[in-house]
C-alpha atoms as a PDB file:
ATOM      1  CA  MET A   1     168.900 134.741  88.337  1.00  0.00           C
ATOM      2  CA  GLU A   2     166.014 133.548  85.509  1.00  0.00           C
ATOM      3  CA  THR A   3     167.039 129.903  86.542  1.00  0.00           C
ATOM      4  CA  THR A   4     165.848 130.569  90.468  1.00  0.00           C
ATOM      5  CA  ILE A   5     162.602 132.239  89.570  1.00  0.00           C
ATOM      6  CA  LYS A   6     161.564 129.250  86.685  1.00  0.00           C
ATOM      7  CA  THR A   7     162.494 126.632  89.289  1.00  0.00           C
ATOM      8  CA  LYS A   8     160.241 128.400  91.728  1.00  0.00           C
ATOM      9  CA  LYS A   9     157.385 128.644  88.654  1.00  0.00           C
ATOM     10  CA  CYS A  10     157.614 125.276  88.204  1.00  0.00           C
ATOM     11  CA  TYR A  11     158.188 124.461  92.096  1.00  0.00           C
ATOM     12  CA  LYS A  12     154.407 126.304  92.597  1.00  0.00           C
ATOM     13  CA  ASP A  13     152.606 124.534  89.556  1.00  0.00           C
ATOM     14  CA  TYR A  14     153.628 121.508  90.607  1.00  0.00           C
ATOM     15  CA  LEU A  15     152.321 122.209  94.374  1.00  0.00           C
ATOM     16  CA  PHE A  16     149.247 123.716  92.371  1.00  0.00           C
ATOM     17  CA  SER A  17     148.921 120.007  90.700  1.00  0.00           C
ATOM     18  CA  ILE A  18     149.454 118.044  93.544  1.00  0.00           C
ATOM     19  CA  HIS A  19     146.531 120.259  95.245  1.00  0.00           C
ATOM     20  CA  GLN A  20     144.352 119.588  92.803  1.00  0.00           C
ATOM     21  CA  PHE A  21     145.051 116.061  91.862  1.00  0.00           C
ATOM     22  CA  ILE A  22     144.065 114.938  95.535  1.00  0.00           C
ATOM     23  CA  ASN A  23     140.451 117.957  95.876  1.00  0.00           C
ATOM     24  CA  SER A  24     139.331 116.528  92.627  1.00  0.00           C
ATOM     25  CA  ASP A  25     137.681 113.134  91.571  1.00  0.00           C
ATOM     26  CA  ILE A  26     140.678 111.347  89.758  1.00  0.00           C
ATOM     27  CA  TRP A  27     141.820 110.342  93.394  1.00  0.00           C
ATOM     28  CA  ASP A  28     139.256 107.679  93.285  1.00  0.00           C
ATOM     29  CA  GLY A  29     140.362 106.557  96.552  1.00  0.00           C
ATOM     30  CA  ASN A  30     139.750 109.148  99.088  1.00  0.00           C
ATOM     31  CA  PHE A  31     136.489 110.398  96.615  1.00  0.00           C
ATOM     32  CA  SER A  32     135.052 106.712  96.779  1.00  0.00           C
ATOM     33  CA  LEU A  33     135.870 106.539 100.677  1.00  0.00           C
ATOM     34  CA  ARG A  34     133.458 109.943 100.740  1.00  0.00           C
ATOM     35  CA  ARG A  35     130.924 108.750  98.663  1.00  0.00           C
ATOM     36  CA  SER A  36     130.785 105.385 100.232  1.00  0.00           C
ATOM     37  CA  VAL A  37     130.726 106.958 103.818  1.00  0.00           C
ATOM     38  CA  LYS A  38     127.957 109.448 102.200  1.00  0.00           C
ATOM     39  CA  HIS A  39     126.207 106.235 100.660  1.00  0.00           C
ATOM     40  CA  THR A  40     126.195 104.592 103.913  1.00  0.00           C
ATOM     41  CA  THR A  41     124.645 107.205 106.446  1.00  0.00           C
ATOM     42  CA  PHE A  42     122.035 107.529 103.726  1.00  0.00           C
ATOM     43  CA  LEU A  43     121.352 104.029 103.758  1.00  0.00           C
ATOM     44  CA  VAL A  44     121.500 103.897 107.445  1.00  0.00           C
ATOM     45  CA  VAL A  45     118.797 106.740 108.096  1.00  0.00           C
ATOM     46  CA  GLY A  46     116.954 105.096 105.296  1.00  0.00           C
ATOM     47  CA  THR A  47     116.748 101.622 107.306  1.00  0.00           C
ATOM     48  CA  VAL A  48     115.994 103.056 110.673  1.00  0.00           C
ATOM     49  CA  GLU A  49     112.488 105.248 109.169  1.00  0.00           C
ATOM     50  CA  PHE A  50     111.905 102.502 107.373  1.00  0.00           C
ATOM     51  CA  LEU A  51     111.635 100.171 110.342  1.00  0.00           C
ATOM     52  CA  THR A  52     110.322 103.406 112.734  1.00  0.00           C
ATOM     53  CA  GLY A  53     107.461 103.363 109.983  1.00  0.00           C
ATOM     54  CA  ASN A  54     106.432  99.952 109.706  1.00  0.00           C
ATOM     55  CA  PHE A  55     106.160  99.461 114.387  1.00  0.00           C
ATOM     56  CA  ALA A  56     104.562 102.879 114.133  1.00  0.00           C
ATOM     57  CA  ASN A  57     101.578 101.565 111.563  1.00  0.00           C
ATOM     58  CA  GLY A  58     102.119  98.164 112.636  1.00  0.00           C
ATOM     59  CA  PHE A  59     101.453  99.241 116.265  1.00  0.00           C
ATOM     60  CA  ILE A  60      98.649 101.071 115.062  1.00  0.00           C
ATOM     61  CA  ALA A  61      96.912  98.592 112.925  1.00  0.00           C
ATOM     62  CA  VAL A  62      97.599  95.713 116.139  1.00  0.00           C
ATOM     63  CA  VAL A  63      95.857  98.029 118.405  1.00  0.00           C
ATOM     64  CA  ASN A  64      92.723  99.057 116.936  1.00  0.00           C
ATOM     65  CA  CYS A  65      92.185  95.846 115.468  1.00  0.00           C
ATOM     66  CA  THR A  66      92.807  94.530 119.126  1.00  0.00           C
ATOM     67  CA  ASP A  67      90.378  96.832 120.243  1.00  0.00           C
ATOM     68  CA  TRP A  68      87.997  96.091 117.781  1.00  0.00           C
ATOM     69  CA  VAL A  69      88.069  91.779 118.431  1.00  0.00           C
ATOM     70  CA  LYS A  70      86.943  93.008 122.226  1.00  0.00           C
ATOM     71  CA  ARG A  71      84.501  94.904 121.495  1.00  0.00           C
ATOM     72  CA  GLN A  72      82.873  94.004 118.124  1.00  0.00           C
ATOM     73  CA  LYS A  73      83.027  97.235 116.973  1.00  0.00           C
ATOM     74  CA  MET A  74      85.017  99.968 116.026  1.00  0.00           C
ATOM     75  CA  SER A  75      84.524 103.591 115.748  1.00  0.00           C
ATOM     76  CA  SER A  76      85.018 105.222 112.251  1.00  0.00           C
ATOM     77  CA  ALA A  77      88.027 107.518 113.439  1.00  0.00           C
ATOM     78  CA  ASP A  78      89.705 104.243 114.563  1.00  0.00           C
ATOM     79  CA  ARG A  79      88.977 102.687 110.813  1.00  0.00           C
ATOM     80  CA  ILE A  80      89.894 105.512 109.104  1.00  0.00           C
ATOM     81  CA  LEU A  81      93.354 105.190 111.817  1.00  0.00           C
ATOM     82  CA  THR A  82      94.215 101.142 110.530  1.00  0.00           C
ATOM     83  CA  ALA A  83      93.226 101.933 106.988  1.00  0.00           C
ATOM     84  CA  LEU A  84      95.522 104.818 106.847  1.00  0.00           C
ATOM     85  CA  ALA A  85      98.587 102.335 108.375  1.00  0.00           C
ATOM     86  CA  ILE A  86      98.084  99.538 106.415  1.00  0.00           C
ATOM     87  CA  SER A  87      97.802 101.662 103.481  1.00  0.00           C
ATOM     88  CA  ARG A  88     101.608 103.583 105.002  1.00  0.00           C
ATOM     89  CA  ILE A  89     103.558  99.913 105.680  1.00  0.00           C
ATOM     90  CA  SER A  90     102.597  98.959 101.420  1.00  0.00           C
ATOM     91  CA  PHE A  91     103.938 102.261 100.861  1.00  0.00           C
ATOM     92  CA  LEU A  92     107.109 102.146 102.872  1.00  0.00           C
ATOM     93  CA  TRP A  93     107.675  98.722 101.513  1.00  0.00           C
ATOM     94  CA  VAL A  94     107.334  99.893  97.531  1.00  0.00           C
ATOM     95  CA  MET A  95     109.546 102.537  98.156  1.00  0.00           C
ATOM     96  CA  LEU A  96     112.140 100.442 100.176  1.00  0.00           C
ATOM     97  CA  VAL A  97     111.542  98.073  96.707  1.00  0.00           C
ATOM     98  CA  ASN A  98     112.340 100.838  93.751  1.00  0.00           C
ATOM     99  CA  TRP A  99     114.742 102.382  96.226  1.00  0.00           C
ATOM    100  CA  TYR A 100     116.681  98.819  95.868  1.00  0.00           C
ATOM    101  CA  ALA A 101     116.417  98.459  92.184  1.00  0.00           C
ATOM    102  CA  ALA A 102     117.141 102.192  91.277  1.00  0.00           C
ATOM    103  CA  VAL A 103     119.766 102.789  93.333  1.00  0.00           C
ATOM    104  CA  LEU A 104     121.573  99.206  94.640  1.00  0.00           C
ATOM    105  CA  ASN A 105     120.797  96.690  91.572  1.00  0.00           C
ATOM    106  CA  PRO A 106     119.460  99.459  88.703  1.00  0.00           C
ATOM    107  CA  ALA A 107     120.222  96.510  86.326  1.00  0.00           C
ATOM    108  CA  SER A 108     117.453  94.385  87.252  1.00  0.00           C
ATOM    109  CA  PHE A 109     115.535  97.528  87.001  1.00  0.00           C
ATOM    110  CA  SER A 110     113.409  96.529  83.685  1.00  0.00           C
ATOM    111  CA  LEU A 111     110.551  98.751  82.011  1.00  0.00           C
ATOM    112  CA  GLU A 112     108.041  96.125  83.089  1.00  0.00           C
ATOM    113  CA  ALA A 113     109.510  96.151  87.153  1.00  0.00           C
ATOM    114  CA  ARG A 114     109.388 100.115  86.660  1.00  0.00           C
ATOM    115  CA  LEU A 115     106.299  99.841  85.473  1.00  0.00           C
ATOM    116  CA  LEU A 116     104.900  97.371  88.101  1.00  0.00           C
ATOM    117  CA  VAL A 117     106.427  99.345  90.678  1.00  0.00           C
ATOM    118  CA  HIS A 118     105.344 102.801  89.394  1.00  0.00           C
ATOM    119  CA  VAL A 119     101.801 101.525  89.874  1.00  0.00           C
ATOM    120  CA  ALA A 120     102.395 100.514  93.205  1.00  0.00           C
ATOM    121  CA  TRP A 121     103.479 103.559  94.114  1.00  0.00           C
ATOM    122  CA  ALA A 122     100.736 105.698  93.165  1.00  0.00           C
ATOM    123  CA  ALA A 123      98.377 103.512  94.466  1.00  0.00           C
ATOM    124  CA  SER A 124     100.047 103.710  97.948  1.00  0.00           C
ATOM    125  CA  ASN A 125     100.721 106.981  97.595  1.00  0.00           C
ATOM    126  CA  HIS A 126      97.372 107.502  97.068  1.00  0.00           C
ATOM    127  CA  PHE A 127      95.376 106.321  99.707  1.00  0.00           C
ATOM    128  CA  SER A 128      97.848 107.757 102.237  1.00  0.00           C
ATOM    129  CA  VAL A 129      97.494 111.005 101.237  1.00  0.00           C
ATOM    130  CA  TRP A 130      93.873 110.499 100.543  1.00  0.00           C
ATOM    131  CA  LEU A 131      93.364 108.703 103.824  1.00  0.00           C
ATOM    132  CA  ALA A 132      94.848 111.094 106.309  1.00  0.00           C
ATOM    133  CA  THR A 133      92.753 113.750 104.144  1.00  0.00           C
ATOM    134  CA  SER A 134      90.077 112.196 105.620  1.00  0.00           C
ATOM    135  CA  LEU A 135      91.054 111.854 109.164  1.00  0.00           C
ATOM    136  CA  SER A 136      91.304 116.072 109.147  1.00  0.00           C
ATOM    137  CA  VAL A 137      88.094 116.268 107.362  1.00  0.00           C
ATOM    138  CA  PHE A 138      86.513 113.968 109.844  1.00  0.00           C
ATOM    139  CA  TYR A 139      88.598 115.746 112.721  1.00  0.00           C
ATOM    140  CA  LEU A 140      86.910 118.961 111.622  1.00  0.00           C
ATOM    141  CA  PHE A 141      83.046 117.841 111.124  1.00  0.00           C
ATOM    142  CA  ARG A 142      83.197 116.272 114.738  1.00  0.00           C
ATOM    143  CA  ILE A 143      84.800 118.999 116.600  1.00  0.00           C
ATOM    144  CA  ALA A 144      84.465 122.369 115.315  1.00  0.00           C
ATOM    145  CA  ASN A 145      80.964 124.527 115.896  1.00  0.00           C
ATOM    146  CA  PHE A 146      79.428 126.616 112.932  1.00  0.00           C
ATOM    147  CA  SER A 147      75.543 127.716 112.281  1.00  0.00           C
ATOM    148  CA  SER A 148      75.830 127.085 108.872  1.00  0.00           C
ATOM    149  CA  LEU A 149      73.007 124.805 108.045  1.00  0.00           C
ATOM    150  CA  ILE A 150      75.389 123.120 105.230  1.00  0.00           C
ATOM    151  CA  PHE A 151      78.034 122.636 107.621  1.00  0.00           C
ATOM    152  CA  LEU A 152      75.350 121.023 110.118  1.00  0.00           C
ATOM    153  CA  ARG A 153      74.380 118.600 107.382  1.00  0.00           C
ATOM    154  CA  LEU A 154      77.844 117.957 106.335  1.00  0.00           C
ATOM    155  CA  LYS A 155      78.840 117.178 110.163  1.00  0.00           C
ATOM    156  CA  TRP A 156      75.558 114.908 110.684  1.00  0.00           C
ATOM    157  CA  ARG A 157      76.406 112.941 107.464  1.00  0.00           C
ATOM    158  CA  VAL A 158      79.859 112.731 107.979  1.00  0.00           C
ATOM    159  CA  LYS A 159      80.109 109.156 107.144  1.00  0.00           C
ATOM    160  CA  SER A 160      78.696 109.473 104.393  1.00  0.00           C
ATOM    161  CA  VAL A 161      81.308 113.492 103.262  1.00  0.00           C
ATOM    162  CA  VAL A 162      84.797 110.617 104.201  1.00  0.00           C
ATOM    163  CA  VAL A 163      83.073 107.813 101.809  1.00  0.00           C
ATOM    164  CA  VAL A 164      82.312 110.372  99.423  1.00  0.00           C
ATOM    165  CA  ILE A 165      85.849 111.813  99.819  1.00  0.00           C
ATOM    166  CA  LEU A 166      87.309 108.350  99.130  1.00  0.00           C
ATOM    167  CA  LEU A 167      85.078 107.271  96.684  1.00  0.00           C
ATOM    168  CA  GLY A 168      85.986 110.537  94.122  1.00  0.00           C
ATOM    169  CA  SER A 169      89.647 110.476  94.996  1.00  0.00           C
ATOM    170  CA  LEU A 170      89.785 107.078  92.778  1.00  0.00           C
ATOM    171  CA  PHE A 171      89.599 109.475  89.796  1.00  0.00           C
ATOM    172  CA  PHE A 172      92.896 111.143  90.512  1.00  0.00           C
ATOM    173  CA  LEU A 173      94.646 107.557  90.872  1.00  0.00           C
ATOM    174  CA  VAL A 174      92.779 105.935  87.942  1.00  0.00           C
ATOM    175  CA  PHE A 175      94.225 109.097  86.129  1.00  0.00           C
ATOM    176  CA  GLN A 176      97.841 109.241  87.201  1.00  0.00           C
ATOM    177  CA  ILE A 177      97.900 104.945  86.209  1.00  0.00           C
ATOM    178  CA  ALA A 178      96.788 105.648  82.974  1.00  0.00           C
ATOM    179  CA  VAL A 179      99.109 108.285  82.145  1.00  0.00           C
ATOM    180  CA  VAL A 180     101.954 106.097  83.997  1.00  0.00           C
ATOM    181  CA  SER A 181     101.092 103.514  81.711  1.00  0.00           C
ATOM    182  CA  MET A 182     101.072 105.693  78.516  1.00  0.00           C
ATOM    183  CA  TYR A 183     104.561 106.896  78.629  1.00  0.00           C
ATOM    184  CA  ALA A 184     105.996 103.520  80.458  1.00  0.00           C
ATOM    185  CA  ASP A 185     109.068 104.569  78.264  1.00  0.00           C
ATOM    186  CA  GLN A 186     109.896 107.680  79.908  1.00  0.00           C
ATOM    187  CA  ILE A 187     107.601 107.194  83.259  1.00  0.00           C
ATOM    188  CA  LEU A 188     109.724 110.269  84.758  1.00  0.00           C
ATOM    189  CA  HIS A 189     107.727 112.012  81.837  1.00  0.00           C
ATOM    190  CA  LEU A 190     105.810 115.908  82.380  1.00  0.00           C
ATOM    191  CA  SER A 191     102.380 115.151  82.265  1.00  0.00           C
ATOM    192  CA  SER A 192     103.320 112.545  85.087  1.00  0.00           C
ATOM    193  CA  MET A 193     104.633 115.167  87.260  1.00  0.00           C
ATOM    194  CA  THR A 194     101.866 117.567  86.417  1.00  0.00           C
ATOM    195  CA  ILE A 195      99.216 115.059  87.135  1.00  0.00           C
ATOM    196  CA  PHE A 196     100.566 113.769  90.856  1.00  0.00           C
ATOM    197  CA  THR A 197     100.831 117.331  91.288  1.00  0.00           C
ATOM    198  CA  LEU A 198      96.946 118.087  90.882  1.00  0.00           C
ATOM    199  CA  ALA A 199      96.476 114.947  92.651  1.00  0.00           C
ATOM    200  CA  ASN A 200      98.463 116.027  95.920  1.00  0.00           C
ATOM    201  CA  PHE A 201      97.433 119.388  95.699  1.00  0.00           C
ATOM    202  CA  VAL A 202      93.582 119.031  96.336  1.00  0.00           C
ATOM    203  CA  PRO A 203      94.342 116.526  99.733  1.00  0.00           C
ATOM    204  CA  PHE A 204      96.548 119.181 100.577  1.00  0.00           C
ATOM    205  CA  ALA A 205      93.790 121.900 100.187  1.00  0.00           C
ATOM    206  CA  ILE A 206      90.904 120.651 101.579  1.00  0.00           C
ATOM    207  CA  SER A 207      93.771 119.840 104.864  1.00  0.00           C
ATOM    208  CA  LEU A 208      94.466 123.481 104.615  1.00  0.00           C
ATOM    209  CA  THR A 209      90.811 124.243 104.401  1.00  0.00           C
ATOM    210  CA  SER A 210      89.986 121.971 107.535  1.00  0.00           C
ATOM    211  CA  PHE A 211      92.814 123.998 109.425  1.00  0.00           C
ATOM    212  CA  LEU A 212      91.592 126.975 109.315  1.00  0.00           C
ATOM    213  CA  LEU A 213      88.014 126.239 110.092  1.00  0.00           C
ATOM    214  CA  LEU A 214      89.413 124.419 113.530  1.00  0.00           C
ATOM    215  CA  ILE A 215      91.068 128.019 113.809  1.00  0.00           C
ATOM    216  CA  PHE A 216      87.887 129.985 113.430  1.00  0.00           C
ATOM    217  CA  SER A 217      86.084 127.445 115.642  1.00  0.00           C
ATOM    218  CA  LEU A 218      88.320 127.774 118.450  1.00  0.00           C
ATOM    219  CA  ARG A 219      88.641 131.202 117.892  1.00  0.00           C
ATOM    220  CA  LYS A 220      84.590 131.123 118.611  1.00  0.00           C
ATOM    221  CA  HIS A 221      84.737 128.785 121.189  1.00  0.00           C
ATOM    222  CA  LEU A 222      87.091 130.746 123.404  1.00  0.00           C
ATOM    223  CA  LYS A 223      85.452 134.027 122.811  1.00  0.00           C
ATOM    224  CA  ARG A 224      82.091 132.386 124.153  1.00  0.00           C
ATOM    225  CA  MET A 225      84.029 130.932 127.274  1.00  0.00           C
ATOM    226  CA  GLN A 226      85.566 134.375 127.688  1.00  0.00           C
ATOM    227  CA  SER A 227      81.849 136.357 127.525  1.00  0.00           C
ATOM    228  CA  SER A 228      80.591 133.683 129.666  1.00  0.00           C
ATOM    229  CA  GLY A 229      83.891 134.205 132.733  1.00  0.00           C
ATOM    230  CA  ARG A 230      84.655 130.498 131.985  1.00  0.00           C
ATOM    231  CA  ARG A 231      87.975 128.405 132.187  1.00  0.00           C
ATOM    232  CA  SER A 232      89.779 128.580 128.220  1.00  0.00           C
ATOM    233  CA  GLN A 233      91.037 124.967 129.041  1.00  0.00           C
ATOM    234  CA  ASP A 234      88.218 122.728 129.113  1.00  0.00           C
ATOM    235  CA  PRO A 235      88.208 119.738 127.416  1.00  0.00           C
ATOM    236  CA  SER A 236      86.342 121.437 123.913  1.00  0.00           C
ATOM    237  CA  THR A 237      89.645 123.623 124.098  1.00  0.00           C
ATOM    238  CA  LYS A 238      92.110 120.491 124.229  1.00  0.00           C
ATOM    239  CA  ILE A 239      90.492 119.021 121.371  1.00  0.00           C
ATOM    240  CA  HIS A 240      90.257 121.318 119.422  1.00  0.00           C
ATOM    241  CA  ILE A 241      93.367 122.078 120.014  1.00  0.00           C
ATOM    242  CA  ARG A 242      95.040 118.165 119.228  1.00  0.00           C
ATOM    243  CA  ALA A 243      92.959 117.589 116.030  1.00  0.00           C
ATOM    244  CA  MET A 244      94.361 121.271 114.642  1.00  0.00           C
ATOM    245  CA  GLN A 245      98.397 119.300 115.924  1.00  0.00           C
ATOM    246  CA  THR A 246      97.390 116.454 114.117  1.00  0.00           C
ATOM    247  CA  VAL A 247      96.183 118.207 110.658  1.00  0.00           C
ATOM    248  CA  ILE A 248      98.972 120.648 110.888  1.00  0.00           C
ATOM    249  CA  SER A 249     101.737 117.675 111.324  1.00  0.00           C
ATOM    250  CA  PHE A 250      99.963 116.144 108.098  1.00  0.00           C
ATOM    251  CA  LEU A 251     100.314 119.506 105.873  1.00  0.00           C
ATOM    252  CA  PHE A 252     104.316 119.921 107.123  1.00  0.00           C
ATOM    253  CA  VAL A 253     105.419 116.516 106.339  1.00  0.00           C
ATOM    254  CA  LEU A 254     103.359 116.643 103.113  1.00  0.00           C
ATOM    255  CA  VAL A 255     104.974 119.185 102.086  1.00  0.00           C
ATOM    256  CA  GLY A 256     108.222 117.811 102.715  1.00  0.00           C
ATOM    257  CA  TYR A 257     106.989 114.731 101.102  1.00  0.00           C
ATOM    258  CA  PHE A 258     106.228 116.720  98.027  1.00  0.00           C
ATOM    259  CA  LEU A 259     109.305 118.663  97.516  1.00  0.00           C
ATOM    260  CA  ALA A 260     111.519 115.652  98.014  1.00  0.00           C
ATOM    261  CA  LEU A 261     110.164 114.018  95.305  1.00  0.00           C
ATOM    262  CA  ILE A 262     109.823 116.331  93.253  1.00  0.00           C
ATOM    263  CA  VAL A 263     113.788 117.263  93.770  1.00  0.00           C
ATOM    264  CA  THR A 264     114.233 113.756  93.406  1.00  0.00           C
ATOM    265  CA  ILE A 265     112.363 113.234  89.823  1.00  0.00           C
ATOM    266  CA  TRP A 266     114.425 116.550  88.850  1.00  0.00           C
ATOM    267  CA  SER A 267     117.487 115.410  89.795  1.00  0.00           C
ATOM    268  CA  SER A 268     117.064 112.125  88.334  1.00  0.00           C
ATOM    269  CA  LYS A 269     116.549 113.735  84.671  1.00  0.00           C
ATOM    270  CA  TRP A 270     119.108 116.716  84.902  1.00  0.00           C
ATOM    271  CA  LEU A 271     121.444 116.278  87.861  1.00  0.00           C
ATOM    272  CA  PRO A 272     122.153 112.518  87.852  1.00  0.00           C
ATOM    273  CA  ASN A 273     123.539 112.417  90.884  1.00  0.00           C
ATOM    274  CA  LYS A 274     122.390 109.577  93.472  1.00  0.00           C
ATOM    275  CA  LEU A 275     123.665 111.510  96.580  1.00  0.00           C
ATOM    276  CA  ILE A 276     120.843 114.010  96.171  1.00  0.00           C
ATOM    277  CA  PHE A 277     118.880 111.093  95.268  1.00  0.00           C
ATOM    278  CA  LEU A 278     119.380 108.887  98.500  1.00  0.00           C
ATOM    279  CA  LEU A 279     118.796 111.997 100.633  1.00  0.00           C
ATOM    280  CA  CYS A 280     115.080 113.100  99.096  1.00  0.00           C
ATOM    281  CA  LYS A 281     114.339 109.473  99.811  1.00  0.00           C
ATOM    282  CA  ALA A 282     115.162 109.715 103.209  1.00  0.00           C
ATOM    283  CA  ILE A 283     113.246 112.606 103.078  1.00  0.00           C
ATOM    284  CA  GLY A 284     110.424 111.027 101.765  1.00  0.00           C
ATOM    285  CA  ILE A 285     110.324 108.161 104.362  1.00  0.00           C
ATOM    286  CA  MET A 286     110.023 110.653 106.870  1.00  0.00           C
ATOM    287  CA  TYR A 287     106.484 111.663 105.513  1.00  0.00           C
ATOM    288  CA  PRO A 288     104.765 108.263 106.434  1.00  0.00           C
ATOM    289  CA  SER A 289     106.900 107.317 109.638  1.00  0.00           C
ATOM    290  CA  SER A 290     107.008 110.515 111.530  1.00  0.00           C
ATOM    291  CA  HIS A 291     103.271 111.683 111.153  1.00  0.00           C
ATOM    292  CA  SER A 292     102.458 108.054 112.305  1.00  0.00           C
ATOM    293  CA  PHE A 293     103.807 108.756 115.577  1.00  0.00           C
ATOM    294  CA  ILE A 294     102.221 111.685 115.812  1.00  0.00           C
ATOM    295  CA  LEU A 295      98.825 110.218 115.139  1.00  0.00           C
ATOM    296  CA  ILE A 296      99.352 107.624 118.085  1.00  0.00           C
ATOM    297  CA  TRP A 297     100.348 110.651 120.570  1.00  0.00           C
ATOM    298  CA  GLY A 298      97.353 112.519 119.590  1.00  0.00           C
ATOM    299  CA  ASN A 299      95.386 109.214 120.233  1.00  0.00           C
ATOM    300  CA  LYS A 300      94.320 108.773 123.870  1.00  0.00           C
ATOM    301  CA  LYS A 301      94.031 104.532 123.327  1.00  0.00           C
ATOM    302  CA  LEU A 302      97.435 105.052 121.188  1.00  0.00           C
ATOM    303  CA  ARG A 303      99.451 106.878 123.092  1.00  0.00           C
ATOM    304  CA  GLU A 304      98.471 104.706 126.702  1.00  0.00           C
ATOM    305  CA  ALA A 305      98.834 101.510 124.537  1.00  0.00           C
ATOM    306  CA  LEU A 306     102.429 102.308 123.705  1.00  0.00           C
ATOM    307  CA  LEU A 307     103.674 103.868 126.983  1.00  0.00           C
ATOM    308  CA  SER A 308     102.687 100.488 128.254  1.00  0.00           C
ATOM    309  CA  PHE A 309     103.886  98.376 126.056  1.00  0.00           C
ATOM    310  CA  LEU A 310     107.297 100.710 125.926  1.00  0.00           C
ATOM    311  CA  TRP A 311     106.749  99.821 130.290  1.00  0.00           C
ATOM    312  CA  GLN A 312     106.719  96.254 129.351  1.00  0.00           C
ATOM    313  CA  LEU A 313     109.737  96.238 127.282  1.00  0.00           C
ATOM    314  CA  ARG A 314     111.923  97.958 129.736  1.00  0.00           C
ATOM    315  CA  CYS A 315     110.387  95.389 132.935  1.00  0.00           C
ATOM    316  CA  TRP A 316     111.450  92.268 130.370  1.00  0.00           C
ATOM    317  CA  LEU A 317     114.939  93.926 128.991  1.00  0.00           C
ATOM    318  CA  ASN A 318     115.859  94.609 132.697  1.00  0.00           C
ATOM    319  CA  GLU A 319     115.087  90.828 133.604  1.00  0.00           C
ATOM    320  CA  ARG A 320     116.704  89.866 130.822  1.00  0.00           C
ATOM    321  CA  ILE A 321     120.342  92.288 132.069  1.00  0.00           C
END
């Protein structure tokens, strides 16, 4: 009887040990396969986002530059959009280099290379965020209507306001690059993270303020329309809504990008997991890619140019097939 009990106990222990072995990281075959599949998935997602982001931003730059050559002039909104598209193309390529060096080939990522990549990343990220913020401010002063004397003065000088915002933002860029350079041996230092948080909180706060003021302006406009007995879906209302969609979409993707970057920094310092790093990188690339498509769809000229391009592409593919 005791022999039977011991035999059953040994058999259960054997089955448990087999179960633990199969589900543990010791079984390199299955674990490596699962890990490689996840890595491949994130790499494919990141590659698709990289390609679509370059296409969207390149499309914005090409359409606006072509229109500028034809008309020999470019509106202020188109200038901001073109500069934003160019900065985001640079931002995507810097993120690609950083991704390749940190994940696929970390041995070649020397201290000098890390410093150079982080300075390039800081510059491209800075202009990408602040140009989008300037676009939000430009939409606010061009579309919103308030009786405040200060607002009216700024509205008349909206071009100067945008220039002042961009020039003033250079202070954050210089300060961030200086901090990165001082902590070259510890680039993910807490001070660098603090500067980055501050440098991105300010444009977020400005864009959020622009969005709230656009809501107040739209509310006043709708009340005015109702009191006069006219339709609420007039051109001014549609312009208000389109501008609000552009600003709120920027706020959403900026928050997602900012959170992904914070998780990347903390996971790389305390939770060394490449899968978390890849996931956050994939989410981060969505910021310059998805928002550019929203900008295209919210701009009449860019939207019509994209639809025309897709129609011509479809006709060309039909002829080939």
